[in-house]
Amino acid sequence: MRHMREGRKLSRTAAHRKALMRNLTTALFERERIETTLAKAKETRRVAERLITYAKRGDLHSRRLVARDIHDAEVVKKLFETIAPWYATRPGGYTRVLRTRARLGDAGEMAVLELVKSAEQKAADRRAREEAAKAKEKAKEAKAARAEKEKEEKEPEEREKEEKAKHAEKREAKSKESKGLKRFGRAFGKGKRGE
């Protein structure tokens, strides 16, 4: 009988398993979505949900309990200030596991572990992504306009010098090419010697 034998060993020692859970939960809170094997995702889910419950309390003792498992201060701050308020009225089920594919190589079953978000949060995230994309596009257009303006501001003499330099390079390349062809023809018995 398997009384009091909860959890998966994941073919690791206790210390290695503990470190793995710490790293996976830290990554989950930092990125809000991770891909791992199904077994690891199910184990990480247990730890992550417990830590979110602590964060919902919001007191100093809870912060210290969370800091035992998450050693990154920025992630702890994000958990208490950003993630925990999302679930203030939710009694549990803060994460979801979605099976994705069989991994190439060993056919291990892969899954995505993600934080559950409401429709409003998803809409806000989408808006933020769209605004960031628009800002990036505007910056790109402004950079192109600046480059065009600088090009127009160049003095006519400089433009003329550039054009002359381009023509000289073309002439030089053509002369080199014709010399190469003459040598090539002589090597195969054509030209003055081959007559």
C-alpha atoms as a PDB file:
ATOM      1  CA  MET A   1       0.000   0.000   0.000  1.00  0.00           C
ATOM      2  CA  ARG A   2       1.156   3.517  -0.779  1.00  0.00           C
ATOM      3  CA  HIS A   3       0.031   5.265   2.378  1.00  0.00           C
ATOM      4  CA  MET A   4       1.674   8.696   2.836  1.00  0.00           C
ATOM      5  CA  ARG A   5       3.638   8.340  -0.435  1.00  0.00           C
ATOM      6  CA  GLU A   6       2.404  11.359  -2.325  1.00  0.00           C
ATOM      7  CA  GLY A   7       4.154  13.062  -5.207  1.00  0.00           C
ATOM      8  CA  ARG A   8       6.376  11.871  -8.033  1.00  0.00           C
ATOM      9  CA  LYS A   9      10.074  11.110  -7.598  1.00  0.00           C
ATOM     10  CA  LEU A  10      10.926  12.175 -11.188  1.00  0.00           C
ATOM     11  CA  SER A  11      14.066   9.955 -11.069  1.00  0.00           C
ATOM     12  CA  ARG A  12      15.838  12.476  -8.828  1.00  0.00           C
ATOM     13  CA  THR A  13      17.153  12.689  -5.302  1.00  0.00           C
ATOM     14  CA  ALA A  14      15.174  14.769  -2.812  1.00  0.00           C
ATOM     15  CA  ALA A  15      17.541  17.752  -3.061  1.00  0.00           C
ATOM     16  CA  HIS A  16      17.561  17.672  -6.864  1.00  0.00           C
ATOM     17  CA  ARG A  17      13.767  17.417  -6.971  1.00  0.00           C
ATOM     18  CA  LYS A  18      13.404  20.362  -4.591  1.00  0.00           C
ATOM     19  CA  ALA A  19      15.756  22.499  -6.710  1.00  0.00           C
ATOM     20  CA  LEU A  20      13.853  21.523  -9.864  1.00  0.00           C
ATOM     21  CA  MET A  21      10.517  22.589  -8.346  1.00  0.00           C
ATOM     22  CA  ARG A  22      12.026  25.906  -7.211  1.00  0.00           C
ATOM     23  CA  ASN A  23      13.384  26.633 -10.676  1.00  0.00           C
ATOM     24  CA  LEU A  24      10.172  25.674 -12.477  1.00  0.00           C
ATOM     25  CA  THR A  25       7.928  27.719 -10.164  1.00  0.00           C
ATOM     26  CA  THR A  26      10.255  30.730 -10.446  1.00  0.00           C
ATOM     27  CA  ALA A  27      10.131  30.458 -14.246  1.00  0.00           C
ATOM     28  CA  LEU A  28       6.328  30.106 -14.158  1.00  0.00           C
ATOM     29  CA  PHE A  29       5.835  33.261 -12.086  1.00  0.00           C
ATOM     30  CA  GLU A  30       8.386  35.174 -14.144  1.00  0.00           C
ATOM     31  CA  ARG A  31       7.065  34.220 -17.616  1.00  0.00           C
ATOM     32  CA  GLU A  32       3.467  33.228 -16.669  1.00  0.00           C
ATOM     33  CA  ARG A  33       3.688  30.225 -19.042  1.00  0.00           C
ATOM     34  CA  ILE A  34       6.254  27.407 -19.372  1.00  0.00           C
ATOM     35  CA  GLU A  35       6.585  24.182 -21.357  1.00  0.00           C
ATOM     36  CA  THR A  36       7.880  21.043 -19.634  1.00  0.00           C
ATOM     37  CA  THR A  37       7.044  17.354 -19.362  1.00  0.00           C
ATOM     38  CA  LEU A  38       3.580  16.402 -18.166  1.00  0.00           C
ATOM     39  CA  ALA A  39       4.824  14.820 -14.918  1.00  0.00           C
ATOM     40  CA  LYS A  40       6.948  17.869 -14.023  1.00  0.00           C
ATOM     41  CA  ALA A  41       4.070  20.213 -14.885  1.00  0.00           C
ATOM     42  CA  LYS A  42       1.686  18.350 -12.557  1.00  0.00           C
ATOM     43  CA  GLU A  43       4.206  18.441  -9.710  1.00  0.00           C
ATOM     44  CA  THR A  44       5.075  22.104 -10.269  1.00  0.00           C
ATOM     45  CA  ARG A  45       1.389  22.961 -10.246  1.00  0.00           C
ATOM     46  CA  ARG A  46       1.067  21.767  -6.620  1.00  0.00           C
ATOM     47  CA  VAL A  47       3.968  23.936  -5.445  1.00  0.00           C
ATOM     48  CA  ALA A  48       2.906  27.005  -7.473  1.00  0.00           C
ATOM     49  CA  GLU A  49      -0.684  26.942  -6.228  1.00  0.00           C
ATOM     50  CA  ARG A  50       0.480  26.709  -2.618  1.00  0.00           C
ATOM     51  CA  LEU A  51       2.772  29.719  -3.120  1.00  0.00           C
ATOM     52  CA  ILE A  52      -0.031  31.757  -4.721  1.00  0.00           C
ATOM     53  CA  THR A  53      -2.247  30.977  -1.715  1.00  0.00           C
ATOM     54  CA  TYR A  54       0.506  32.295   0.580  1.00  0.00           C
ATOM     55  CA  ALA A  55       0.852  35.403  -1.581  1.00  0.00           C
ATOM     56  CA  LYS A  56      -2.891  36.080  -1.341  1.00  0.00           C
ATOM     57  CA  ARG A  57      -2.515  36.455   2.422  1.00  0.00           C
ATOM     58  CA  GLY A  58       0.058  39.185   1.842  1.00  0.00           C
ATOM     59  CA  ASP A  59       1.573  39.318   5.355  1.00  0.00           C
ATOM     60  CA  LEU A  60       5.255  39.185   6.308  1.00  0.00           C
ATOM     61  CA  HIS A  61       5.163  35.539   7.377  1.00  0.00           C
ATOM     62  CA  SER A  62       3.693  34.545   4.011  1.00  0.00           C
ATOM     63  CA  ARG A  63       6.385  36.526   2.208  1.00  0.00           C
ATOM     64  CA  ARG A  64       9.064  34.653   4.160  1.00  0.00           C
ATOM     65  CA  LEU A  65       7.429  31.296   3.403  1.00  0.00           C
ATOM     66  CA  VAL A  66       7.406  32.140  -0.313  1.00  0.00           C
ATOM     67  CA  ALA A  67      11.012  33.401  -0.171  1.00  0.00           C
ATOM     68  CA  ARG A  68      12.098  29.939   1.052  1.00  0.00           C
ATOM     69  CA  ASP A  69      11.188  28.494  -2.337  1.00  0.00           C
ATOM     70  CA  ILE A  70      11.660  31.460  -4.698  1.00  0.00           C
ATOM     71  CA  HIS A  71      15.105  32.990  -4.336  1.00  0.00           C
ATOM     72  CA  ASP A  72      14.639  35.787  -6.879  1.00  0.00           C
ATOM     73  CA  ALA A  73      13.473  38.953  -5.088  1.00  0.00           C
ATOM     74  CA  GLU A  74      11.970  40.447  -8.272  1.00  0.00           C
ATOM     75  CA  VAL A  75       9.831  37.357  -8.846  1.00  0.00           C
ATOM     76  CA  VAL A  76       8.645  37.382  -5.209  1.00  0.00           C
ATOM     77  CA  LYS A  77       7.686  41.036  -5.623  1.00  0.00           C
ATOM     78  CA  LYS A  78       5.811  40.262  -8.853  1.00  0.00           C
ATOM     79  CA  LEU A  79       3.996  37.365  -7.162  1.00  0.00           C
ATOM     80  CA  PHE A  80       2.767  39.501  -4.256  1.00  0.00           C
ATOM     81  CA  GLU A  81       2.045  42.739  -6.130  1.00  0.00           C
ATOM     82  CA  THR A  82       0.822  41.526  -9.536  1.00  0.00           C
ATOM     83  CA  ILE A  83      -0.148  37.852  -9.591  1.00  0.00           C
ATOM     84  CA  ALA A  84      -1.828  37.458  -6.176  1.00  0.00           C
ATOM     85  CA  PRO A  85      -4.390  40.268  -6.776  1.00  0.00           C
ATOM     86  CA  TRP A  86      -5.572  38.445  -9.940  1.00  0.00           C
ATOM     87  CA  TYR A  87      -6.896  35.641  -7.729  1.00  0.00           C
ATOM     88  CA  ALA A  88      -8.226  37.653  -4.778  1.00  0.00           C
ATOM     89  CA  THR A  89     -11.759  36.248  -5.177  1.00  0.00           C
ATOM     90  CA  ARG A  90     -10.798  32.867  -6.647  1.00  0.00           C
ATOM     91  CA  PRO A  91     -10.742  29.965  -4.142  1.00  0.00           C
ATOM     92  CA  GLY A  92      -8.201  27.828  -6.059  1.00  0.00           C
ATOM     93  CA  GLY A  93      -7.254  26.511  -9.479  1.00  0.00           C
ATOM     94  CA  TYR A  94      -4.773  29.240 -10.312  1.00  0.00           C
ATOM     95  CA  THR A  95      -2.912  27.230 -12.965  1.00  0.00           C
ATOM     96  CA  ARG A  96      -3.779  24.953 -15.866  1.00  0.00           C
ATOM     97  CA  VAL A  97      -1.892  22.110 -17.550  1.00  0.00           C
ATOM     98  CA  LEU A  98      -2.391  21.694 -21.313  1.00  0.00           C
ATOM     99  CA  ARG A  99      -0.930  18.641 -23.054  1.00  0.00           C
ATOM    100  CA  THR A 100       0.874  19.682 -26.210  1.00  0.00           C
ATOM    101  CA  ARG A 101       2.975  17.068 -28.036  1.00  0.00           C
ATOM    102  CA  ALA A 102       5.289  14.079 -27.859  1.00  0.00           C
ATOM    103  CA  ARG A 103       8.892  15.230 -27.601  1.00  0.00           C
ATOM    104  CA  LEU A 104      11.194  14.201 -30.429  1.00  0.00           C
ATOM    105  CA  GLY A 105      13.942  11.871 -29.288  1.00  0.00           C
ATOM    106  CA  ASP A 106      12.291  10.075 -26.394  1.00  0.00           C
ATOM    107  CA  ALA A 107       8.577  10.675 -27.134  1.00  0.00           C
ATOM    108  CA  GLY A 108       8.128  12.219 -23.674  1.00  0.00           C
ATOM    109  CA  GLU A 109       4.688  13.743 -23.206  1.00  0.00           C
ATOM    110  CA  MET A 110       5.036  17.528 -23.117  1.00  0.00           C
ATOM    111  CA  ALA A 111       2.665  20.036 -21.542  1.00  0.00           C
ATOM    112  CA  VAL A 112       2.261  23.767 -21.047  1.00  0.00           C
ATOM    113  CA  LEU A 113       1.787  24.995 -17.492  1.00  0.00           C
ATOM    114  CA  GLU A 114       0.281  28.482 -17.361  1.00  0.00           C
ATOM    115  CA  LEU A 115      -1.382  30.872 -14.949  1.00  0.00           C
ATOM    116  CA  VAL A 116      -5.138  31.164 -15.460  1.00  0.00           C
ATOM    117  CA  LYS A 117      -6.225  34.668 -16.474  1.00  0.00           C
ATOM    118  CA  SER A 118      -9.650  36.254 -16.722  1.00  0.00           C
ATOM    119  CA  ALA A 119     -11.038  37.629 -19.989  1.00  0.00           C
ATOM    120  CA  GLU A 120     -10.284  41.208 -18.869  1.00  0.00           C
ATOM    121  CA  GLN A 121      -6.639  40.351 -18.143  1.00  0.00           C
ATOM    122  CA  LYS A 122      -6.271  38.671 -21.529  1.00  0.00           C
ATOM    123  CA  ALA A 123      -7.781  41.718 -23.251  1.00  0.00           C
ATOM    124  CA  ALA A 124      -5.430  44.043 -21.331  1.00  0.00           C
ATOM    125  CA  ASP A 125      -2.424  41.891 -22.320  1.00  0.00           C
ATOM    126  CA  ARG A 126      -3.512  41.952 -25.960  1.00  0.00           C
ATOM    127  CA  ARG A 127      -3.901  45.744 -25.862  1.00  0.00           C
ATOM    128  CA  ALA A 128      -0.451  46.141 -24.302  1.00  0.00           C
ATOM    129  CA  ARG A 129       1.111  43.933 -27.009  1.00  0.00           C
ATOM    130  CA  GLU A 130      -0.647  45.891 -29.783  1.00  0.00           C
ATOM    131  CA  GLU A 131       0.459  49.238 -28.324  1.00  0.00           C
ATOM    132  CA  ALA A 132       4.037  47.989 -28.059  1.00  0.00           C
ATOM    133  CA  ALA A 133       3.925  46.862 -31.702  1.00  0.00           C
ATOM    134  CA  LYS A 134       2.535  50.255 -32.791  1.00  0.00           C
ATOM    135  CA  ALA A 135       5.212  52.105 -30.835  1.00  0.00           C
ATOM    136  CA  LYS A 136       7.897  49.939 -32.434  1.00  0.00           C
ATOM    137  CA  GLU A 137       6.466  50.629 -35.902  1.00  0.00           C
ATOM    138  CA  LYS A 138       6.378  54.403 -35.213  1.00  0.00           C
ATOM    139  CA  ALA A 139       9.990  54.339 -34.052  1.00  0.00           C
ATOM    140  CA  LYS A 140      10.996  52.484 -37.209  1.00  0.00           C
ATOM    141  CA  GLU A 141       9.173  55.016 -39.421  1.00  0.00           C
ATOM    142  CA  ALA A 142      10.738  57.948 -37.548  1.00  0.00           C
ATOM    143  CA  LYS A 143      14.205  56.434 -38.003  1.00  0.00           C
ATOM    144  CA  ALA A 144      13.600  55.983 -41.750  1.00  0.00           C
ATOM    145  CA  ALA A 145      12.345  59.593 -42.037  1.00  0.00           C
ATOM    146  CA  ARG A 146      15.456  60.878 -40.231  1.00  0.00           C
ATOM    147  CA  ALA A 147      17.722  58.904 -42.559  1.00  0.00           C
ATOM    148  CA  GLU A 148      15.871  60.281 -45.609  1.00  0.00           C
ATOM    149  CA  LYS A 149      16.139  63.832 -44.287  1.00  0.00           C
ATOM    150  CA  GLU A 150      19.873  63.476 -43.667  1.00  0.00           C
ATOM    151  CA  LYS A 151      20.320  62.129 -47.179  1.00  0.00           C
ATOM    152  CA  GLU A 152      18.499  65.136 -48.655  1.00  0.00           C
ATOM    153  CA  GLU A 153      20.514  67.577 -46.547  1.00  0.00           C
ATOM    154  CA  LYS A 154      23.810  66.399 -48.045  1.00  0.00           C
ATOM    155  CA  GLU A 155      25.406  69.047 -50.177  1.00  0.00           C
ATOM    156  CA  PRO A 156      25.293  68.588 -53.960  1.00  0.00           C
ATOM    157  CA  GLU A 157      29.108  68.492 -54.110  1.00  0.00           C
ATOM    158  CA  GLU A 158      29.232  65.526 -51.784  1.00  0.00           C
ATOM    159  CA  ARG A 159      26.633  63.724 -53.894  1.00  0.00           C
ATOM    160  CA  GLU A 160      28.684  64.427 -56.998  1.00  0.00           C
ATOM    161  CA  LYS A 161      31.838  63.060 -55.335  1.00  0.00           C
ATOM    162  CA  GLU A 162      29.995  59.907 -54.327  1.00  0.00           C
ATOM    163  CA  GLU A 163      28.714  59.390 -57.866  1.00  0.00           C
ATOM    164  CA  LYS A 164      32.222  59.887 -59.342  1.00  0.00           C
ATOM    165  CA  ALA A 165      33.643  57.389 -56.876  1.00  0.00           C
ATOM    166  CA  LYS A 166      30.964  54.833 -57.853  1.00  0.00           C
ATOM    167  CA  HIS A 167      31.727  55.319 -61.577  1.00  0.00           C
ATOM    168  CA  ALA A 168      35.471  54.930 -60.950  1.00  0.00           C
ATOM    169  CA  GLU A 169      34.868  51.690 -59.035  1.00  0.00           C
ATOM    170  CA  LYS A 170      32.729  50.329 -61.902  1.00  0.00           C
ATOM    171  CA  ARG A 171      35.418  51.193 -64.513  1.00  0.00           C
ATOM    172  CA  GLU A 172      38.112  49.556 -62.389  1.00  0.00           C
ATOM    173  CA  ALA A 173      36.026  46.403 -61.953  1.00  0.00           C
ATOM    174  CA  LYS A 174      35.384  46.181 -65.727  1.00  0.00           C
ATOM    175  CA  SER A 175      39.087  46.592 -66.567  1.00  0.00           C
ATOM    176  CA  LYS A 176      40.036  43.849 -64.099  1.00  0.00           C
ATOM    177  CA  GLU A 177      37.391  41.585 -65.584  1.00  0.00           C
ATOM    178  CA  SER A 178      38.614  42.153 -69.167  1.00  0.00           C
ATOM    179  CA  LYS A 179      42.246  41.471 -68.149  1.00  0.00           C
ATOM    180  CA  GLY A 180      41.139  38.222 -66.529  1.00  0.00           C
ATOM    181  CA  LEU A 181      39.318  37.138 -69.703  1.00  0.00           C
ATOM    182  CA  LYS A 182      42.424  37.852 -71.863  1.00  0.00           C
ATOM    183  CA  ARG A 183      44.552  35.678 -69.597  1.00  0.00           C
ATOM    184  CA  PHE A 184      41.899  32.974 -69.618  1.00  0.00           C
ATOM    185  CA  GLY A 185      41.853  32.989 -73.461  1.00  0.00           C
ATOM    186  CA  ARG A 186      45.661  32.731 -73.725  1.00  0.00           C
ATOM    187  CA  ALA A 187      45.719  29.790 -71.371  1.00  0.00           C
ATOM    188  CA  PHE A 188      43.517  27.824 -73.746  1.00  0.00           C
ATOM    189  CA  GLY A 189      45.490  28.606 -76.936  1.00  0.00           C
ATOM    190  CA  LYS A 190      43.498  31.624 -78.090  1.00  0.00           C
ATOM    191  CA  GLY A 191      44.825  35.051 -78.666  1.00  0.00           C
ATOM    192  CA  LYS A 192      48.173  36.060 -80.213  1.00  0.00           C
ATOM    193  CA  ARG A 193      50.105  32.860 -79.433  1.00  0.00           C
ATOM    194  CA  GLY A 194      47.329  30.452 -80.399  1.00  0.00           C
ATOM    195  CA  GLU A 195      46.904  31.728 -83.987  1.00  0.00           C
END
